[in-house]
């Protein structure tokens, strides 16, 4: 029974991270208007997340091999939650980029642990 709960929890974590990864794309027209930026510039909102994920994924794997995976996963999920909340509270385009980058960094901590 414990294995089933863990499997469900891991599925849920990956589902939430996957949803967050692609959720912003349909919102780009709204975000473009909200921040008063060009359509091409709004693509950086998606790119910031991807770059953060890419950089972190390269580093987190070896780090998690040397340290407690559970702790890294929990810290990563807490940072991911705060960064995602920061995206919702971002008043400026720069704040949104930073929050998306941090969310990408934190999201990459889950993959190697699961």
N, C-alpha and C. Protein backbone atom coordinates (compact mmCIF):
# COMPACT_ATOMS: atom_id res chain seq x y z
N UNK A 1 0.82 -1.20 0.00
CA UNK A 1 0.00 0.00 0.00
C UNK A 1 0.86 1.26 0.00
N UNK A 2 1.97 1.24 0.74
CA UNK A 2 2.85 2.39 0.79
C UNK A 2 3.43 2.70 -0.59
N UNK A 3 3.77 1.65 -1.33
CA UNK A 3 4.31 1.84 -2.68
C UNK A 3 3.29 2.50 -3.59
N UNK A 4 2.03 2.15 -3.44
CA UNK A 4 0.97 2.75 -4.27
C UNK A 4 0.83 4.23 -3.96
N UNK A 5 0.89 4.57 -2.68
CA UNK A 5 0.79 5.99 -2.30
C UNK A 5 1.98 6.78 -2.81
N UNK A 6 3.17 6.20 -2.70
CA UNK A 6 4.35 6.88 -3.21
C UNK A 6 4.28 7.04 -4.72
N UNK A 7 3.84 6.01 -5.41
CA UNK A 7 3.70 6.09 -6.87
C UNK A 7 2.71 7.19 -7.25
N UNK A 8 1.60 7.25 -6.54
CA UNK A 8 0.61 8.29 -6.81
C UNK A 8 1.18 9.67 -6.52
N UNK A 9 1.92 9.81 -5.42
CA UNK A 9 2.53 11.08 -5.06
C UNK A 9 3.53 11.52 -6.12
N UNK A 10 4.37 10.59 -6.58
CA UNK A 10 5.34 10.92 -7.62
C UNK A 10 4.64 11.31 -8.92
N UNK A 11 3.59 10.58 -9.26
CA UNK A 11 2.81 10.94 -10.44
C UNK A 11 2.25 12.35 -10.31
N UNK A 12 1.70 12.65 -9.15
CA UNK A 12 1.11 13.97 -8.91
C UNK A 12 2.16 15.08 -9.03
N UNK A 13 3.33 14.85 -8.47
CA UNK A 13 4.42 15.83 -8.56
C UNK A 13 4.78 16.08 -10.02
N UNK A 14 4.98 15.03 -10.77
CA UNK A 14 5.37 15.19 -12.18
C UNK A 14 4.24 15.81 -13.00
N UNK A 15 2.99 15.50 -12.66
CA UNK A 15 1.86 16.09 -13.35
C UNK A 15 1.81 17.60 -13.11
N UNK A 16 1.99 18.01 -11.88
CA UNK A 16 1.95 19.44 -11.55
C UNK A 16 3.09 20.18 -12.25
N UNK A 17 4.27 19.61 -12.22
CA UNK A 17 5.42 20.24 -12.88
C UNK A 17 5.21 20.28 -14.39
N UNK A 18 4.73 19.20 -14.96
CA UNK A 18 4.46 19.17 -16.40
C UNK A 18 3.39 20.16 -16.80
N UNK A 19 2.36 20.28 -15.98
CA UNK A 19 1.29 21.24 -16.27
C UNK A 19 1.83 22.66 -16.22
N UNK A 20 2.65 22.96 -15.21
CA UNK A 20 3.22 24.29 -15.09
C UNK A 20 4.12 24.62 -16.28
N UNK A 21 4.81 23.61 -16.77
CA UNK A 21 5.71 23.83 -17.90
C UNK A 21 4.96 24.35 -19.13
N UNK A 22 3.79 23.78 -19.40
CA UNK A 22 3.07 24.13 -20.62
C UNK A 22 1.88 25.06 -20.40
N UNK A 23 1.54 25.33 -19.18
CA UNK A 23 0.38 26.16 -18.88
C UNK A 23 0.53 27.59 -19.35
N UNK A 24 1.74 28.09 -19.36
CA UNK A 24 1.96 29.49 -19.68
C UNK A 24 1.77 29.79 -21.17
N UNK A 25 1.99 28.81 -22.03
CA UNK A 25 1.91 29.06 -23.48
C UNK A 25 0.56 29.62 -23.93
N UNK A 26 -0.56 29.06 -23.52
CA UNK A 26 -1.84 29.64 -23.95
C UNK A 26 -2.11 31.01 -23.32
N UNK A 27 -1.37 31.33 -22.27
CA UNK A 27 -1.57 32.62 -21.60
C UNK A 27 -0.71 33.73 -22.19
N UNK A 28 0.16 33.41 -23.13
CA UNK A 28 1.08 34.41 -23.67
C UNK A 28 0.38 35.64 -24.25
N UNK A 29 -0.72 35.50 -25.01
CA UNK A 29 -1.39 36.71 -25.50
C UNK A 29 -1.88 37.61 -24.35
N UNK A 30 -2.40 37.01 -23.32
CA UNK A 30 -2.87 37.78 -22.16
C UNK A 30 -1.69 38.43 -21.44
N UNK A 31 -0.61 37.69 -21.26
CA UNK A 31 0.57 38.23 -20.59
C UNK A 31 1.23 39.32 -21.43
N UNK A 32 1.22 39.15 -22.74
CA UNK A 32 1.75 40.17 -23.64
C UNK A 32 1.02 41.49 -23.44
N UNK A 33 -0.27 41.41 -23.38
CA UNK A 33 -1.08 42.61 -23.17
C UNK A 33 -0.88 43.17 -21.76
N UNK A 34 -0.86 42.32 -20.76
CA UNK A 34 -0.73 42.76 -19.37
C UNK A 34 0.59 43.50 -19.14
N UNK A 35 1.69 42.94 -19.66
CA UNK A 35 3.00 43.55 -19.45
C UNK A 35 3.33 44.61 -20.50
N UNK A 36 2.52 44.73 -21.52
CA UNK A 36 2.76 45.72 -22.57
C UNK A 36 4.03 45.44 -23.36
N UNK A 37 4.23 44.18 -23.70
CA UNK A 37 5.43 43.77 -24.43
C UNK A 37 5.04 43.22 -25.79
N UNK A 38 6.04 43.04 -26.64
CA UNK A 38 5.78 42.47 -27.96
C UNK A 38 5.56 40.97 -27.86
N UNK A 39 4.96 40.42 -28.89
CA UNK A 39 4.72 38.98 -28.93
C UNK A 39 6.02 38.20 -28.89
N UNK A 40 7.01 38.67 -29.63
CA UNK A 40 8.29 37.96 -29.65
C UNK A 40 8.98 38.02 -28.29
N UNK A 41 8.83 39.12 -27.59
CA UNK A 41 9.43 39.24 -26.26
C UNK A 41 8.74 38.34 -25.25
N UNK A 42 7.47 38.09 -25.45
CA UNK A 42 6.73 37.24 -24.51
C UNK A 42 7.25 35.80 -24.54
N UNK A 43 7.88 35.40 -25.61
CA UNK A 43 8.46 34.06 -25.69
C UNK A 43 9.53 33.81 -24.65
N UNK A 44 10.13 34.90 -24.15
CA UNK A 44 11.14 34.75 -23.11
C UNK A 44 10.55 34.20 -21.81
N UNK A 45 9.25 34.34 -21.63
CA UNK A 45 8.61 33.77 -20.44
C UNK A 45 8.74 32.25 -20.46
N UNK A 46 8.53 31.67 -21.62
CA UNK A 46 8.69 30.22 -21.78
C UNK A 46 10.18 29.85 -21.73
N UNK A 47 11.00 30.64 -22.40
CA UNK A 47 12.43 30.35 -22.47
C UNK A 47 13.11 30.43 -21.11
N UNK A 48 12.69 31.37 -20.27
CA UNK A 48 13.31 31.51 -18.94
C UNK A 48 13.15 30.23 -18.14
N UNK A 49 11.98 29.63 -18.20
CA UNK A 49 11.71 28.37 -17.50
C UNK A 49 12.60 27.26 -18.08
N UNK A 50 12.65 27.18 -19.40
CA UNK A 50 13.42 26.12 -20.06
C UNK A 50 14.91 26.24 -19.77
N UNK A 51 15.43 27.45 -19.77
CA UNK A 51 16.85 27.66 -19.49
C UNK A 51 17.16 27.30 -18.04
N UNK A 52 16.30 27.73 -17.12
CA UNK A 52 16.49 27.37 -15.71
C UNK A 52 16.47 25.86 -15.51
N UNK A 53 15.55 25.19 -16.17
CA UNK A 53 15.44 23.73 -16.09
C UNK A 53 16.69 23.07 -16.64
N UNK A 54 17.15 23.56 -17.79
CA UNK A 54 18.31 22.97 -18.46
C UNK A 54 19.56 23.08 -17.58
N UNK A 55 19.79 24.26 -17.04
CA UNK A 55 20.98 24.46 -16.21
C UNK A 55 20.91 23.61 -14.95
N UNK A 56 19.77 23.63 -14.31
CA UNK A 56 19.61 22.89 -13.06
C UNK A 56 19.68 21.38 -13.27
N UNK A 57 19.12 20.89 -14.35
CA UNK A 57 19.12 19.44 -14.61
C UNK A 57 20.54 18.90 -14.72
N UNK A 58 21.43 19.69 -15.27
CA UNK A 58 22.82 19.26 -15.40
C UNK A 58 23.52 19.18 -14.04
N UNK A 59 23.11 20.03 -13.12
CA UNK A 59 23.78 20.11 -11.83
C UNK A 59 23.14 19.24 -10.74
N UNK A 60 21.83 19.12 -10.77
CA UNK A 60 21.12 18.45 -9.68
C UNK A 60 21.38 16.94 -9.65
N UNK A 61 21.50 16.32 -10.80
CA UNK A 61 21.74 14.87 -10.83
C UNK A 61 22.96 14.47 -10.01
N UNK A 62 24.14 15.03 -10.33
CA UNK A 62 25.33 14.68 -9.54
C UNK A 62 25.23 15.09 -8.06
N UNK A 63 24.58 16.21 -7.79
CA UNK A 63 24.42 16.64 -6.40
C UNK A 63 23.55 15.65 -5.64
N UNK A 64 22.48 15.19 -6.28
CA UNK A 64 21.58 14.25 -5.60
C UNK A 64 22.23 12.88 -5.40
N UNK A 65 23.25 12.57 -6.18
CA UNK A 65 23.97 11.32 -5.96
C UNK A 65 24.79 11.35 -4.68
N UNK A 66 25.20 12.55 -4.27
CA UNK A 66 26.04 12.69 -3.09
C UNK A 66 25.27 13.07 -1.83
N UNK A 67 24.04 13.54 -1.99
CA UNK A 67 23.27 14.02 -0.84
C UNK A 67 21.92 13.31 -0.77
N UNK A 68 21.17 13.62 0.26
CA UNK A 68 19.87 12.99 0.51
C UNK A 68 18.85 13.40 -0.56
N UNK A 69 18.42 12.45 -1.36
CA UNK A 69 17.48 12.72 -2.46
C UNK A 69 16.15 13.26 -1.95
N UNK A 70 15.68 12.71 -0.86
CA UNK A 70 14.38 13.14 -0.32
C UNK A 70 14.44 14.62 0.07
N UNK A 71 15.51 15.00 0.71
CA UNK A 71 15.66 16.40 1.14
C UNK A 71 15.74 17.34 -0.07
N UNK A 72 16.50 16.94 -1.08
CA UNK A 72 16.62 17.75 -2.29
C UNK A 72 15.26 17.89 -2.96
N UNK A 73 14.51 16.80 -3.03
CA UNK A 73 13.18 16.83 -3.64
C UNK A 73 12.25 17.77 -2.87
N UNK A 74 12.25 17.68 -1.57
CA UNK A 74 11.36 18.53 -0.76
C UNK A 74 11.74 19.99 -0.90
N UNK A 75 13.02 20.30 -0.83
CA UNK A 75 13.46 21.69 -1.00
C UNK A 75 13.10 22.19 -2.39
N UNK A 76 13.34 21.37 -3.40
CA UNK A 76 12.99 21.75 -4.77
C UNK A 76 11.51 22.03 -4.94
N UNK A 77 10.68 21.19 -4.34
CA UNK A 77 9.23 21.40 -4.45
C UNK A 77 8.77 22.64 -3.70
N UNK A 78 9.41 22.94 -2.58
CA UNK A 78 9.07 24.17 -1.85
C UNK A 78 9.45 25.40 -2.67
N UNK A 79 10.64 25.38 -3.25
CA UNK A 79 11.08 26.50 -4.09
C UNK A 79 10.18 26.61 -5.31
N UNK A 80 9.83 25.48 -5.90
CA UNK A 80 8.94 25.47 -7.07
C UNK A 80 7.60 26.11 -6.73
N UNK A 81 7.05 25.75 -5.57
CA UNK A 81 5.77 26.32 -5.14
C UNK A 81 5.87 27.83 -4.97
N UNK A 82 6.93 28.28 -4.31
CA UNK A 82 7.10 29.73 -4.10
C UNK A 82 7.33 30.46 -5.42
N UNK A 83 8.12 29.88 -6.31
CA UNK A 83 8.39 30.52 -7.60
C UNK A 83 7.13 30.58 -8.45
N UNK A 84 6.33 29.53 -8.43
CA UNK A 84 5.09 29.53 -9.19
C UNK A 84 4.12 30.56 -8.64
N UNK A 85 4.07 30.67 -7.32
CA UNK A 85 3.25 31.73 -6.71
C UNK A 85 3.79 33.10 -7.11
N UNK A 86 5.11 33.21 -7.18
CA UNK A 86 5.72 34.46 -7.63
C UNK A 86 5.33 34.82 -9.04
N UNK A 87 5.16 33.82 -9.89
CA UNK A 87 4.69 34.09 -11.26
C UNK A 87 3.30 34.72 -11.23
N UNK A 88 2.45 34.21 -10.37
CA UNK A 88 1.10 34.75 -10.27
C UNK A 88 1.07 36.14 -9.69
N UNK A 89 2.07 36.49 -8.90
CA UNK A 89 2.11 37.80 -8.26
C UNK A 89 3.01 38.79 -9.00
N UNK A 90 3.65 38.37 -10.07
CA UNK A 90 4.60 39.23 -10.78
C UNK A 90 3.90 40.43 -11.40
N UNK A 91 4.32 41.62 -10.97
CA UNK A 91 3.74 42.86 -11.50
C UNK A 91 4.47 43.38 -12.72
N UNK A 92 5.69 42.93 -12.91
CA UNK A 92 6.48 43.40 -14.04
C UNK A 92 6.98 42.21 -14.85
N UNK A 93 7.35 42.49 -16.07
CA UNK A 93 7.87 41.46 -16.96
C UNK A 93 9.16 40.87 -16.38
N UNK A 94 10.02 41.71 -15.82
CA UNK A 94 11.28 41.23 -15.24
C UNK A 94 11.01 40.29 -14.07
N UNK A 95 10.04 40.62 -13.23
CA UNK A 95 9.69 39.75 -12.11
C UNK A 95 9.19 38.40 -12.62
N UNK A 96 8.41 38.43 -13.69
CA UNK A 96 7.89 37.19 -14.27
C UNK A 96 9.04 36.34 -14.80
N UNK A 97 10.00 36.96 -15.48
CA UNK A 97 11.14 36.20 -16.00
C UNK A 97 11.94 35.54 -14.89
N UNK A 98 12.19 36.29 -13.82
CA UNK A 98 12.95 35.73 -12.70
C UNK A 98 12.18 34.58 -12.05
N UNK A 99 10.89 34.78 -11.83
CA UNK A 99 10.07 33.74 -11.21
C UNK A 99 10.01 32.49 -12.09
N UNK A 100 9.87 32.66 -13.39
CA UNK A 100 9.83 31.50 -14.30
C UNK A 100 11.18 30.78 -14.32
N UNK A 101 12.27 31.54 -14.30
CA UNK A 101 13.60 30.93 -14.28
C UNK A 101 13.77 30.09 -13.01
N UNK A 102 13.42 30.67 -11.87
CA UNK A 102 13.55 29.95 -10.59
C UNK A 102 12.63 28.72 -10.57
N UNK A 103 11.43 28.85 -11.13
CA UNK A 103 10.52 27.71 -11.20
C UNK A 103 11.14 26.59 -12.05
N UNK A 104 11.79 26.96 -13.13
CA UNK A 104 12.46 25.96 -13.97
C UNK A 104 13.61 25.27 -13.25
N UNK A 105 14.40 26.06 -12.53
CA UNK A 105 15.49 25.49 -11.73
C UNK A 105 14.94 24.49 -10.72
N UNK A 106 13.90 24.90 -10.02
CA UNK A 106 13.32 24.04 -8.98
C UNK A 106 12.63 22.81 -9.58
N UNK A 107 11.98 22.96 -10.71
CA UNK A 107 11.29 21.83 -11.34
C UNK A 107 12.26 20.73 -11.72
N UNK A 108 13.46 21.12 -12.11
CA UNK A 108 14.45 20.13 -12.52
C UNK A 108 14.96 19.29 -11.35
N UNK A 109 14.69 19.72 -10.13
CA UNK A 109 15.14 18.91 -8.98
C UNK A 109 14.29 17.66 -8.82
N UNK A 110 13.08 17.65 -9.35
CA UNK A 110 12.19 16.51 -9.16
C UNK A 110 12.58 15.31 -10.02
N UNK A 111 12.94 15.55 -11.26
CA UNK A 111 13.23 14.46 -12.19
C UNK A 111 14.25 13.45 -11.70
N UNK A 112 15.45 13.90 -11.32
CA UNK A 112 16.46 12.93 -10.86
C UNK A 112 16.07 12.19 -9.58
N UNK A 113 15.21 12.78 -8.78
CA UNK A 113 14.82 12.15 -7.52
C UNK A 113 13.76 11.07 -7.73
N UNK A 114 12.97 11.23 -8.76
CA UNK A 114 11.86 10.31 -9.02
C UNK A 114 12.30 9.31 -10.05
